[in-house]
Amino acid sequence: MKLLKVEGLCYSHNGHQLLTNINLEIRNKQVTGVIADNQERLELLLSVIGGSLPEASGSVSLGGVPVGPQERLKRIGVAQE
């Protein structure tokens, strides 16, 4: 079962493309590592996946269900219902 699926995720800020076409799948009972060129880029990726920052394009699915940034924040217990 896919717990998390990220497809074609892109993020830009002030006209600068900071994340481009990120694809990631995390399955149940799977150990997954993510390597980035620097710590800031990794934190940025996790912020976009988690919903703290809106993606410019692409999609994030939790448990096979596509969810937007606000729904992701609610599911992980950060945002209010």
Protein backbone atom coordinates (compact mmCIF):
# COMPACT_ATOMS: atom_id res chain seq x y z
CA MET A 1 0.00 0.00 0.00
CA LYS A 2 1.26 3.48 -0.90
CA LEU A 3 1.24 5.72 2.16
CA LEU A 4 2.60 8.77 0.37
CA LYS A 5 2.94 9.50 -3.33
CA VAL A 6 4.41 12.71 -4.75
CA GLU A 7 4.19 13.29 -8.50
CA GLY A 8 5.76 16.11 -10.50
CA LEU A 9 6.05 18.39 -7.48
CA CYS A 10 7.44 21.86 -8.27
CA TYR A 11 7.91 24.90 -6.08
CA SER A 12 9.08 28.39 -6.97
CA HIS A 13 9.65 31.55 -4.93
CA ASN A 14 10.21 35.07 -6.26
CA GLY A 15 10.57 33.72 -9.78
CA HIS A 16 13.19 31.12 -8.84
CA GLN A 17 12.40 27.44 -9.43
CA LEU A 18 13.56 25.77 -6.20
CA LEU A 19 12.03 22.29 -6.63
CA THR A 20 11.50 20.76 -10.05
CA ASN A 21 9.56 17.62 -10.94
CA ILE A 22 9.99 15.73 -7.65
CA ASN A 23 8.62 12.17 -7.64
CA LEU A 24 8.52 9.99 -4.53
CA GLU A 25 6.63 6.95 -3.29
CA ILE A 26 6.63 5.66 0.26
CA ARG A 27 4.98 2.32 0.86
CA ASN A 28 3.84 0.59 4.02
CA LYS A 29 6.71 -1.11 5.91
CA GLN A 30 9.32 0.49 3.64
CA VAL A 31 12.36 2.42 4.77
CA THR A 32 12.91 5.47 2.56
CA GLY A 33 15.75 7.97 2.51
CA VAL A 34 15.74 11.36 0.83
CA ILE A 35 18.98 13.03 -0.18
CA ALA A 36 19.18 16.69 -1.19
CA ASP A 37 22.04 18.92 -2.30
CA ASN A 38 21.72 20.90 0.94
CA GLN A 39 19.74 20.98 4.18
CA GLU A 40 17.64 23.98 3.13
CA ARG A 41 16.44 22.18 0.01
CA LEU A 42 15.45 19.13 2.05
CA GLU A 43 13.55 21.28 4.56
CA LEU A 44 11.83 23.05 1.66
CA LEU A 45 10.77 19.71 0.14
CA LEU A 46 9.36 18.51 3.47
CA SER A 47 7.51 21.81 3.95
CA VAL A 48 5.86 21.55 0.54
CA ILE A 49 4.98 17.87 0.99
CA GLY A 50 3.62 18.60 4.48
CA GLY A 51 1.47 21.46 3.22
CA SER A 52 3.18 24.39 4.97
CA LEU A 53 4.09 25.81 1.55
CA PRO A 54 1.89 25.49 -1.57
CA GLU A 55 3.28 23.59 -4.54
CA ALA A 56 3.40 25.38 -7.90
CA SER A 57 2.41 22.17 -9.66
CA GLY A 58 2.26 18.45 -9.08
CA SER A 59 0.27 16.37 -6.63
CA VAL A 60 0.54 14.70 -3.25
CA SER A 61 -1.55 11.67 -2.30
CA LEU A 62 -1.96 10.18 1.17
CA GLY A 63 -3.20 6.60 1.27
CA GLY A 64 -4.06 6.80 -2.43
CA VAL A 65 -6.22 9.93 -2.03
CA PRO A 66 -5.02 13.20 -3.63
CA VAL A 67 -4.95 15.98 -1.02
CA GLY A 68 -4.22 19.70 -1.12
CA PRO A 69 -1.92 21.61 1.25
CA GLN A 70 -4.59 22.45 3.85
CA GLU A 71 -5.85 18.86 3.98
CA ARG A 72 -2.29 17.59 4.46
CA LEU A 73 -1.83 19.95 7.40
CA LYS A 74 -5.08 18.72 8.96
CA ARG A 75 -4.14 15.06 8.52
CA ILE A 76 -0.83 15.47 10.28
CA GLY A 77 -2.48 17.47 13.05
CA VAL A 78 -1.01 20.92 12.37
CA ALA A 79 -4.06 22.85 11.06
CA GLN A 80 -7.46 23.23 12.64
CA GLU A 81 -10.52 21.56 11.13
